[in-house]
Amino acid sequence: MAWILTADSIADIDHIAAEGAKQFGFAQSEVYELQLVDMFDMLAANPYMAVERHSAAGSIRLMPVGAHNILYVVDADDVIILRVLHGLQNWFEQL
């Protein structure tokens, strides 16, 4: 399986990287971004490892990593990363 980022998830990751660099420095922000990518790879290899949740938009899976949650769906042979949201954000309303 492969993982695919949506436009929303790319914007989320860009925001995480920019804020992380501002608050914690570029090096730490880069390490965190690599942790996210490592989790994307793990989800592609094990797409059903996260618990399935139900929202108004349908069934999604939510995997915590660091201070964020990766929201994704499994579509045929791919993992589609819908959003990468901070754990304090109401993910249910973001979809």
PDB file of N, CA and C in Angstrom:
ATOM      1  N   MET A   1       0.837  -1.196   0.000  1.00  0.00           N
ATOM      2  CA  MET A   1       0.000   0.000   0.000  1.00  0.00           C
ATOM      3  C   MET A   1       0.875   1.249   0.000  1.00  0.00           C
ATOM      4  N   ALA A   2       0.294   2.310  -0.497  1.00  0.00           N
ATOM      5  CA  ALA A   2       0.970   3.606  -0.498  1.00  0.00           C
ATOM      6  C   ALA A   2       0.137   4.587   0.308  1.00  0.00           C
ATOM      7  N   TRP A   3       0.751   5.672   0.748  1.00  0.00           N
ATOM      8  CA  TRP A   3      -0.024   6.728   1.398  1.00  0.00           C
ATOM      9  C   TRP A   3      -0.070   7.949   0.492  1.00  0.00           C
ATOM     10  N   ILE A   4      -1.222   8.623   0.545  1.00  0.00           N
ATOM     11  CA  ILE A   4      -1.471   9.786  -0.295  1.00  0.00           C
ATOM     12  C   ILE A   4      -1.952  10.921   0.589  1.00  0.00           C
ATOM     13  N   LEU A   5      -1.379  12.099   0.405  1.00  0.00           N
ATOM     14  CA  LEU A   5      -1.790  13.274   1.169  1.00  0.00           C
ATOM     15  C   LEU A   5      -2.836  14.067   0.394  1.00  0.00           C
ATOM     16  N   THR A   6      -3.862  14.528   1.099  1.00  0.00           N
ATOM     17  CA  THR A   6      -4.840  15.434   0.493  1.00  0.00           C
ATOM     18  C   THR A   6      -4.308  16.862   0.619  1.00  0.00           C
ATOM     19  N   ALA A   7      -4.955  17.793  -0.075  1.00  0.00           N
ATOM     20  CA  ALA A   7      -4.561  19.205   0.020  1.00  0.00           C
ATOM     21  C   ALA A   7      -4.674  19.701   1.459  1.00  0.00           C
ATOM     22  N   ASP A   8      -5.730  19.281   2.173  1.00  0.00           N
ATOM     23  CA  ASP A   8      -5.897  19.685   3.573  1.00  0.00           C
ATOM     24  C   ASP A   8      -4.768  19.151   4.450  1.00  0.00           C
ATOM     25  N   SER A   9      -4.371  17.903   4.225  1.00  0.00           N
ATOM     26  CA  SER A   9      -3.305  17.337   5.057  1.00  0.00           C
ATOM     27  C   SER A   9      -1.955  17.998   4.755  1.00  0.00           C
ATOM     28  N   ILE A  10      -1.719  18.369   3.507  1.00  0.00           N
ATOM     29  CA  ILE A  10      -0.490  19.091   3.172  1.00  0.00           C
ATOM     30  C   ILE A  10      -0.464  20.439   3.879  1.00  0.00           C
ATOM     31  N   ALA A  11      -1.593  21.137   3.865  1.00  0.00           N
ATOM     32  CA  ALA A  11      -1.681  22.422   4.560  1.00  0.00           C
ATOM     33  C   ALA A  11      -1.462  22.237   6.061  1.00  0.00           C
ATOM     34  N   ASP A  12      -2.027  21.167   6.630  1.00  0.00           N
ATOM     35  CA  ASP A  12      -1.836  20.887   8.057  1.00  0.00           C
ATOM     36  C   ASP A  12      -0.353  20.665   8.375  1.00  0.00           C
ATOM     37  N   ILE A  13       0.320  19.866   7.557  1.00  0.00           N
ATOM     38  CA  ILE A  13       1.738  19.556   7.787  1.00  0.00           C
ATOM     39  C   ILE A  13       2.593  20.817   7.620  1.00  0.00           C
ATOM     40  N   ASP A  14       2.285  21.630   6.633  1.00  0.00           N
ATOM     41  CA  ASP A  14       3.010  22.892   6.450  1.00  0.00           C
ATOM     42  C   ASP A  14       2.857  23.780   7.683  1.00  0.00           C
ATOM     43  N   HIS A  15       1.641  23.839   8.217  1.00  0.00           N
ATOM     44  CA  HIS A  15       1.377  24.645   9.416  1.00  0.00           C
ATOM     45  C   HIS A  15       2.137  24.083  10.619  1.00  0.00           C
ATOM     46  N   ILE A  16       2.115  22.763  10.781  1.00  0.00           N
ATOM     47  CA  ILE A  16       2.829  22.118  11.885  1.00  0.00           C
ATOM     48  C   ILE A  16       4.324  22.424  11.791  1.00  0.00           C
ATOM     49  N   ALA A  17       4.895  22.320  10.589  1.00  0.00           N
ATOM     50  CA  ALA A  17       6.325  22.581  10.402  1.00  0.00           C
ATOM     51  C   ALA A  17       6.671  24.037  10.704  1.00  0.00           C
ATOM     52  N   ALA A  18       5.864  24.969  10.219  1.00  0.00           N
ATOM     53  CA  ALA A  18       6.132  26.397  10.438  1.00  0.00           C
ATOM     54  C   ALA A  18       6.029  26.760  11.916  1.00  0.00           C
ATOM     55  N   GLU A  19       4.962  26.318  12.564  1.00  0.00           N
ATOM     56  CA  GLU A  19       4.786  26.615  13.989  1.00  0.00           C
ATOM     57  C   GLU A  19       5.841  25.911  14.836  1.00  0.00           C
ATOM     58  N   GLY A  20       6.173  24.677  14.451  1.00  0.00           N
ATOM     59  CA  GLY A  20       7.203  23.943  15.185  1.00  0.00           C
ATOM     60  C   GLY A  20       8.552  24.630  15.091  1.00  0.00           C
ATOM     61  N   ALA A  21       8.905  25.115  13.911  1.00  0.00           N
ATOM     62  CA  ALA A  21      10.174  25.822  13.735  1.00  0.00           C
ATOM     63  C   ALA A  21      10.196  27.108  14.552  1.00  0.00           C
ATOM     64  N   LYS A  22       9.061  27.794  14.587  1.00  0.00           N
ATOM     65  CA  LYS A  22       8.978  29.047  15.335  1.00  0.00           C
ATOM     66  C   LYS A  22       9.092  28.800  16.844  1.00  0.00           C
ATOM     67  N   GLN A  23       8.419  27.757  17.333  1.00  0.00           N
ATOM     68  CA  GLN A  23       8.377  27.507  18.776  1.00  0.00           C
ATOM     69  C   GLN A  23       9.546  26.685  19.294  1.00  0.00           C
ATOM     70  N   PHE A  24      10.034  25.724  18.481  1.00  0.00           N
ATOM     71  CA  PHE A  24      11.021  24.766  18.987  1.00  0.00           C
ATOM     72  C   PHE A  24      12.320  24.745  18.191  1.00  0.00           C
ATOM     73  N   GLY A  25      12.387  25.473  17.093  1.00  0.00           N
ATOM     74  CA  GLY A  25      13.582  25.490  16.257  1.00  0.00           C
ATOM     75  C   GLY A  25      13.418  24.573  15.053  1.00  0.00           C
ATOM     76  N   PHE A  26      14.195  24.893  14.027  1.00  0.00           N
ATOM     77  CA  PHE A  26      14.076  24.159  12.781  1.00  0.00           C
ATOM     78  C   PHE A  26      14.423  22.679  12.938  1.00  0.00           C
ATOM     79  N   ALA A  27      15.494  22.395  13.667  1.00  0.00           N
ATOM     80  CA  ALA A  27      15.945  20.997  13.805  1.00  0.00           C
ATOM     81  C   ALA A  27      14.867  20.136  14.458  1.00  0.00           C
ATOM     82  N   GLN A  28      14.264  20.629  15.536  1.00  0.00           N
ATOM     83  CA  GLN A  28      13.227  19.858  16.222  1.00  0.00           C
ATOM     84  C   GLN A  28      11.979  19.714  15.355  1.00  0.00           C
ATOM     85  N   SER A  29      11.652  20.762  14.609  1.00  0.00           N
ATOM     86  CA  SER A  29      10.502  20.701  13.709  1.00  0.00           C
ATOM     87  C   SER A  29      10.726  19.642  12.640  1.00  0.00           C
ATOM     88  N   GLU A  30      11.937  19.558  12.124  1.00  0.00           N
ATOM     89  CA  GLU A  30      12.263  18.566  11.105  1.00  0.00           C
ATOM     90  C   GLU A  30      12.181  17.144  11.669  1.00  0.00           C
ATOM     91  N   VAL A  31      12.639  16.944  12.899  1.00  0.00           N
ATOM     92  CA  VAL A  31      12.548  15.631  13.551  1.00  0.00           C
ATOM     93  C   VAL A  31      11.086  15.222  13.693  1.00  0.00           C
ATOM     94  N   TYR A  32      10.239  16.159  14.108  1.00  0.00           N
ATOM     95  CA  TYR A  32       8.815  15.860  14.290  1.00  0.00           C
ATOM     96  C   TYR A  32       8.156  15.515  12.956  1.00  0.00           C
ATOM     97  N   GLU A  33       8.518  16.258  11.921  1.00  0.00           N
ATOM     98  CA  GLU A  33       7.957  15.984  10.596  1.00  0.00           C
ATOM     99  C   GLU A  33       8.357  14.585  10.122  1.00  0.00           C
ATOM    100  N   LEU A  34       9.576  14.170  10.410  1.00  0.00           N
ATOM    101  CA  LEU A  34      10.020  12.819  10.057  1.00  0.00           C
ATOM    102  C   LEU A  34       9.252  11.760  10.849  1.00  0.00           C
ATOM    103  N   GLN A  35       8.884  12.075  12.091  1.00  0.00           N
ATOM    104  CA  GLN A  35       8.045  11.146  12.873  1.00  0.00           C
ATOM    105  C   GLN A  35       6.687  10.972  12.210  1.00  0.00           C
ATOM    106  N   LEU A  36       6.126  12.048  11.698  1.00  0.00           N
ATOM    107  CA  LEU A  36       4.848  11.956  10.987  1.00  0.00           C
ATOM    108  C   LEU A  36       4.985  11.076   9.750  1.00  0.00           C
ATOM    109  N   VAL A  37       6.044  11.289   8.973  1.00  0.00           N
ATOM    110  CA  VAL A  37       6.265  10.502   7.764  1.00  0.00           C
ATOM    111  C   VAL A  37       6.482   9.025   8.111  1.00  0.00           C
ATOM    112  N   ASP A  38       7.213   8.757   9.191  1.00  0.00           N
ATOM    113  CA  ASP A  38       7.398   7.372   9.643  1.00  0.00           C
ATOM    114  C   ASP A  38       6.058   6.718   9.964  1.00  0.00           C
ATOM    115  N   MET A  39       5.153   7.486  10.589  1.00  0.00           N
ATOM    116  CA  MET A  39       3.832   6.939  10.904  1.00  0.00           C
ATOM    117  C   MET A  39       3.023   6.736   9.628  1.00  0.00           C
ATOM    118  N   PHE A  40       3.152   7.619   8.645  1.00  0.00           N
ATOM    119  CA  PHE A  40       2.476   7.414   7.359  1.00  0.00           C
ATOM    120  C   PHE A  40       2.934   6.094   6.745  1.00  0.00           C
ATOM    121  N   ASP A  41       4.245   5.853   6.799  1.00  0.00           N
ATOM    122  CA  ASP A  41       4.788   4.598   6.267  1.00  0.00           C
ATOM    123  C   ASP A  41       4.240   3.390   7.017  1.00  0.00           C
ATOM    124  N   MET A  42       4.157   3.513   8.352  1.00  0.00           N
ATOM    125  CA  MET A  42       3.639   2.410   9.155  1.00  0.00           C
ATOM    126  C   MET A  42       2.167   2.146   8.845  1.00  0.00           C
ATOM    127  N   LEU A  43       1.404   3.213   8.653  1.00  0.00           N
ATOM    128  CA  LEU A  43      -0.010   3.054   8.313  1.00  0.00           C
ATOM    129  C   LEU A  43      -0.181   2.420   6.930  1.00  0.00           C
ATOM    130  N   ALA A  44       0.696   2.766   5.996  1.00  0.00           N
ATOM    131  CA  ALA A  44       0.627   2.154   4.671  1.00  0.00           C
ATOM    132  C   ALA A  44       0.906   0.660   4.750  1.00  0.00           C
ATOM    133  N   ALA A  45       1.808   0.273   5.646  1.00  0.00           N
ATOM    134  CA  ALA A  45       2.139  -1.146   5.807  1.00  0.00           C
ATOM    135  C   ALA A  45       1.093  -1.889   6.633  1.00  0.00           C
ATOM    136  N   ASN A  46       0.412  -1.165   7.539  1.00  0.00           N
ATOM    137  CA  ASN A  46      -0.590  -1.761   8.444  1.00  0.00           C
ATOM    138  C   ASN A  46      -1.822  -0.856   8.484  1.00  0.00           C
ATOM    139  N   PRO A  47      -2.592  -0.791   7.423  1.00  0.00           N
ATOM    140  CA  PRO A  47      -3.647   0.220   7.313  1.00  0.00           C
ATOM    141  C   PRO A  47      -4.786   0.092   8.328  1.00  0.00           C
ATOM    142  N   TYR A  48      -4.955  -1.067   8.914  1.00  0.00           N
ATOM    143  CA  TYR A  48      -6.080  -1.242   9.838  1.00  0.00           C
ATOM    144  C   TYR A  48      -5.657  -1.192  11.301  1.00  0.00           C
ATOM    145  N   MET A  49      -4.462  -0.676  11.578  1.00  0.00           N
ATOM    146  CA  MET A  49      -3.970  -0.668  12.949  1.00  0.00           C
ATOM    147  C   MET A  49      -4.668   0.376  13.829  1.00  0.00           C
ATOM    148  N   ALA A  50      -5.191   1.437  13.252  1.00  0.00           N
ATOM    149  CA  ALA A  50      -5.882   2.466  14.029  1.00  0.00           C
ATOM    150  C   ALA A  50      -7.362   2.121  14.142  1.00  0.00           C
ATOM    151  N   VAL A  51      -7.958   2.575  15.213  1.00  0.00           N
ATOM    152  CA  VAL A  51      -9.376   2.320  15.459  1.00  0.00           C
ATOM    153  C   VAL A  51     -10.220   3.107  14.464  1.00  0.00           C
ATOM    154  N   GLU A  52     -11.247   2.459  13.962  1.00  0.00           N
ATOM    155  CA  GLU A  52     -12.164   3.121  13.039  1.00  0.00           C
ATOM    156  C   GLU A  52     -13.151   3.959  13.833  1.00  0.00           C
ATOM    157  N   ARG A  53     -13.350   5.191  13.406  1.00  0.00           N
ATOM    158  CA  ARG A  53     -14.297   6.112  14.042  1.00  0.00           C
ATOM    159  C   ARG A  53     -15.361   6.467  13.021  1.00  0.00           C
ATOM    160  N   HIS A  54     -16.510   6.893  13.520  1.00  0.00           N
ATOM    161  CA  HIS A  54     -17.603   7.264  12.624  1.00  0.00           C
ATOM    162  C   HIS A  54     -17.899   8.749  12.787  1.00  0.00           C
ATOM    163  N   SER A  55     -17.987   9.447  11.656  1.00  0.00           N
ATOM    164  CA  SER A  55     -18.305  10.866  11.654  1.00  0.00           C
ATOM    165  C   SER A  55     -19.389  11.118  10.616  1.00  0.00           C
ATOM    166  N   ALA A  56     -19.812  12.359  10.514  1.00  0.00           N
ATOM    167  CA  ALA A  56     -20.814  12.717   9.513  1.00  0.00           C
ATOM    168  C   ALA A  56     -20.288  12.459   8.102  1.00  0.00           C
ATOM    169  N   ALA A  57     -18.964  12.519   7.940  1.00  0.00           N
ATOM    170  CA  ALA A  57     -18.349  12.294   6.629  1.00  0.00           C
ATOM    171  C   ALA A  57     -18.166  10.804   6.328  1.00  0.00           C
ATOM    172  N   GLY A  58     -18.490   9.944   7.282  1.00  0.00           N
ATOM    173  CA  GLY A  58     -18.330   8.504   7.091  1.00  0.00           C
ATOM    174  C   GLY A  58     -17.318   7.924   8.057  1.00  0.00           C
ATOM    175  N   SER A  59     -16.860   6.731   7.788  1.00  0.00           N
ATOM    176  CA  SER A  59     -15.896   6.057   8.648  1.00  0.00           C
ATOM    177  C   SER A  59     -14.486   6.525   8.331  1.00  0.00           C
ATOM    178  N   ILE A  60     -13.753   6.862   9.383  1.00  0.00           N
ATOM    179  CA  ILE A  60     -12.348   7.241   9.236  1.00  0.00           C
ATOM    180  C   ILE A  60     -11.547   6.530  10.321  1.00  0.00           C
ATOM    181  N   ARG A  61     -10.252   6.565  10.196  1.00  0.00           N
ATOM    182  CA  ARG A  61      -9.360   6.006  11.205  1.00  0.00           C
ATOM    183  C   ARG A  61      -8.531   7.146  11.772  1.00  0.00           C
ATOM    184  N   LEU A  62      -8.243   7.055  13.070  1.00  0.00           N
ATOM    185  CA  LEU A  62      -7.521   8.108  13.774  1.00  0.00           C
ATOM    186  C   LEU A  62      -6.327   7.490  14.482  1.00  0.00           C
ATOM    187  N   MET A  63      -5.116   7.953  14.131  1.00  0.00           N
ATOM    188  CA  MET A  63      -3.889   7.445  14.735  1.00  0.00           C
ATOM    189  C   MET A  63      -3.147   8.598  15.399  1.00  0.00           C
ATOM    190  N   PRO A  64      -2.969   8.529  16.716  1.00  0.00           N
ATOM    191  CA  PRO A  64      -2.197   9.575  17.386  1.00  0.00           C
ATOM    192  C   PRO A  64      -0.701   9.412  17.118  1.00  0.00           C
ATOM    193  N   VAL A  65      -0.030  10.545  16.971  1.00  0.00           N
ATOM    194  CA  VAL A  65       1.429  10.577  16.859  1.00  0.00           C
ATOM    195  C   VAL A  65       1.889  11.908  17.446  1.00  0.00           C
ATOM    196  N   GLY A  66       2.705  11.849  18.473  1.00  0.00           N
ATOM    197  CA  GLY A  66       3.123  13.069  19.153  1.00  0.00           C
ATOM    198  C   GLY A  66       1.909  13.803  19.689  1.00  0.00           C
ATOM    199  N   ALA A  67       1.835  15.087  19.400  1.00  0.00           N
ATOM    200  CA  ALA A  67       0.717  15.918  19.859  1.00  0.00           C
ATOM    201  C   ALA A  67      -0.416  15.978  18.844  1.00  0.00           C
ATOM    202  N   HIS A  68      -0.319  15.199  17.779  1.00  0.00           N
ATOM    203  CA  HIS A  68      -1.287  15.284  16.688  1.00  0.00           C
ATOM    204  C   HIS A  68      -2.005  13.961  16.429  1.00  0.00           C
ATOM    205  N   ASN A  69      -3.084  14.060  15.682  1.00  0.00           N
ATOM    206  CA  ASN A  69      -3.837  12.890  15.233  1.00  0.00           C
ATOM    207  C   ASN A  69      -3.838  12.864  13.715  1.00  0.00           C
ATOM    208  N   ILE A  70      -3.532  11.706  13.169  1.00  0.00           N
ATOM    209  CA  ILE A  70      -3.607  11.505  11.731  1.00  0.00           C
ATOM    210  C   ILE A  70      -4.973  10.904  11.438  1.00  0.00           C
ATOM    211  N   LEU A  71      -5.760  11.580  10.624  1.00  0.00           N
ATOM    212  CA  LEU A  71      -7.071  11.087  10.222  1.00  0.00           C
ATOM    213  C   LEU A  71      -6.950  10.566   8.799  1.00  0.00           C
ATOM    214  N   TYR A  72      -7.344   9.312   8.594  1.00  0.00           N
ATOM    215  CA  TYR A  72      -7.164   8.706   7.284  1.00  0.00           C
ATOM    216  C   TYR A  72      -8.263   7.699   6.973  1.00  0.00           C
ATOM    217  N   VAL A  73      -8.338   7.347   5.705  1.00  0.00           N
ATOM    218  CA  VAL A  73      -9.233   6.287   5.241  1.00  0.00           C
ATOM    219  C   VAL A  73      -8.406   5.316   4.408  1.00  0.00           C
ATOM    220  N   VAL A  74      -8.879   4.078   4.361  1.00  0.00           N
ATOM    221  CA  VAL A  74      -8.260   3.063   3.518  1.00  0.00           C
ATOM    222  C   VAL A  74      -9.108   2.973   2.263  1.00  0.00           C
ATOM    223  N   ASP A  75      -8.465   3.184   1.113  1.00  0.00           N
ATOM    224  CA  ASP A  75      -9.165   3.166  -0.169  1.00  0.00           C
ATOM    225  C   ASP A  75      -8.441   2.205  -1.098  1.00  0.00           C
ATOM    226  N   ALA A  76      -9.023   1.024  -1.279  1.00  0.00           N
ATOM    227  CA  ALA A  76      -8.425  -0.032  -2.112  1.00  0.00           C
ATOM    228  C   ALA A  76      -7.020  -0.341  -1.615  1.00  0.00           C
ATOM    229  N   ASP A  77      -6.010   0.044  -2.377  1.00  0.00           N
ATOM    230  CA  ASP A  77      -4.625  -0.256  -2.005  1.00  0.00           C
ATOM    231  C   ASP A  77      -3.886   0.935  -1.425  1.00  0.00           C
ATOM    232  N   ASP A  78      -4.600   1.977  -1.050  1.00  0.00           N
ATOM    233  CA  ASP A  78      -3.949   3.191  -0.569  1.00  0.00           C
ATOM    234  C   ASP A  78      -4.501   3.652   0.775  1.00  0.00           C
ATOM    235  N   VAL A  79      -3.652   4.351   1.511  1.00  0.00           N
ATOM    236  CA  VAL A  79      -4.049   5.047   2.730  1.00  0.00           C
ATOM    237  C   VAL A  79      -4.117   6.525   2.354  1.00  0.00           C
ATOM    238  N   ILE A  80      -5.302   7.108   2.472  1.00  0.00           N
ATOM    239  CA  ILE A  80      -5.504   8.516   2.130  1.00  0.00           C
ATOM    240  C   ILE A  80      -5.477   9.311   3.429  1.00  0.00           C
ATOM    241  N   ILE A  81      -4.458  10.160   3.589  1.00  0.00           N
ATOM    242  CA  ILE A  81      -4.323  10.995   4.786  1.00  0.00           C
ATOM    243  C   ILE A  81      -5.207  12.224   4.578  1.00  0.00           C
ATOM    244  N   LEU A  82      -6.291  12.300   5.355  1.00  0.00           N
ATOM    245  CA  LEU A  82      -7.245  13.393   5.200  1.00  0.00           C
ATOM    246  C   LEU A  82      -6.795  14.660   5.912  1.00  0.00           C
ATOM    247  N   ARG A  83      -6.369  14.506   7.158  1.00  0.00           N
ATOM    248  CA  ARG A  83      -5.959  15.650   7.982  1.00  0.00           C
ATOM    249  C   ARG A  83      -4.898  15.196   8.967  1.00  0.00           C
ATOM    250  N   VAL A  84      -4.104  16.153   9.446  1.00  0.00           N
ATOM    251  CA  VAL A  84      -3.176  15.945  10.559  1.00  0.00           C
ATOM    252  C   VAL A  84      -3.459  17.094  11.517  1.00  0.00           C
ATOM    253  N   LEU A  85      -4.206  16.793  12.580  1.00  0.00           N
ATOM    254  CA  LEU A  85      -4.717  17.828  13.475  1.00  0.00           C
ATOM    255  C   LEU A  85      -4.132  17.675  14.872  1.00  0.00           C
ATOM    256  N   HIS A  86      -3.978  18.803  15.556  1.00  0.00           N
ATOM    257  CA  HIS A  86      -3.513  18.782  16.940  1.00  0.00           C
ATOM    258  C   HIS A  86      -4.522  18.000  17.779  1.00  0.00           C
ATOM    259  N   GLY A  87      -4.029  17.307  18.772  1.00  0.00           N
ATOM    260  CA  GLY A  87      -4.882  16.486  19.625  1.00  0.00           C
ATOM    261  C   GLY A  87      -5.973  17.257  20.343  1.00  0.00           C
ATOM    262  N   LEU A  88      -5.782  18.562  20.531  1.00  0.00           N
ATOM    263  CA  LEU A  88      -6.810  19.367  21.194  1.00  0.00           C
ATOM    264  C   LEU A  88      -7.871  19.892  20.234  1.00  0.00           C
ATOM    265  N   GLN A  89      -7.631  19.761  18.932  1.00  0.00           N
ATOM    266  CA  GLN A  89      -8.628  20.197  17.954  1.00  0.00           C
ATOM    267  C   GLN A  89      -9.765  19.177  17.891  1.00  0.00           C
ATOM    268  N   ASN A  90     -10.959  19.664  17.649  1.00  0.00           N
ATOM    269  CA  ASN A  90     -12.120  18.806  17.499  1.00  0.00           C
ATOM    270  C   ASN A  90     -12.121  18.252  16.082  1.00  0.00           C
ATOM    271  N   TRP A  91     -11.542  17.071  15.910  1.00  0.00           N
ATOM    272  CA  TRP A  91     -11.401  16.484  14.579  1.00  0.00           C
ATOM    273  C   TRP A  91     -12.748  16.217  13.939  1.00  0.00           C
ATOM    274  N   PHE A  92     -13.762  15.925  14.752  1.00  0.00           N
ATOM    275  CA  PHE A  92     -15.091  15.609  14.249  1.00  0.00           C
ATOM    276  C   PHE A  92     -15.647  16.778  13.430  1.00  0.00           C
ATOM    277  N   GLU A  93     -15.364  18.003  13.876  1.00  0.00           N
ATOM    278  CA  GLU A  93     -15.859  19.191  13.184  1.00  0.00           C
ATOM    279  C   GLU A  93     -14.972  19.607  12.018  1.00  0.00           C
ATOM    280  N   GLN A  94     -13.771  19.070  11.918  1.00  0.00           N
ATOM    281  CA  GLN A  94     -12.830  19.462  10.874  1.00  0.00           C
ATOM    282  C   GLN A  94     -13.023  18.716   9.569  1.00  0.00           C
ATOM    283  N   LEU A  95     -13.843  17.672   9.579  1.00  0.00           N
ATOM    284  CA  LEU A  95     -14.040  16.884   8.360  1.00  0.00           C
ATOM    285  C   LEU A  95     -15.214  17.381   7.551  1.00  0.00           C
TER     286      LEU A  95
END
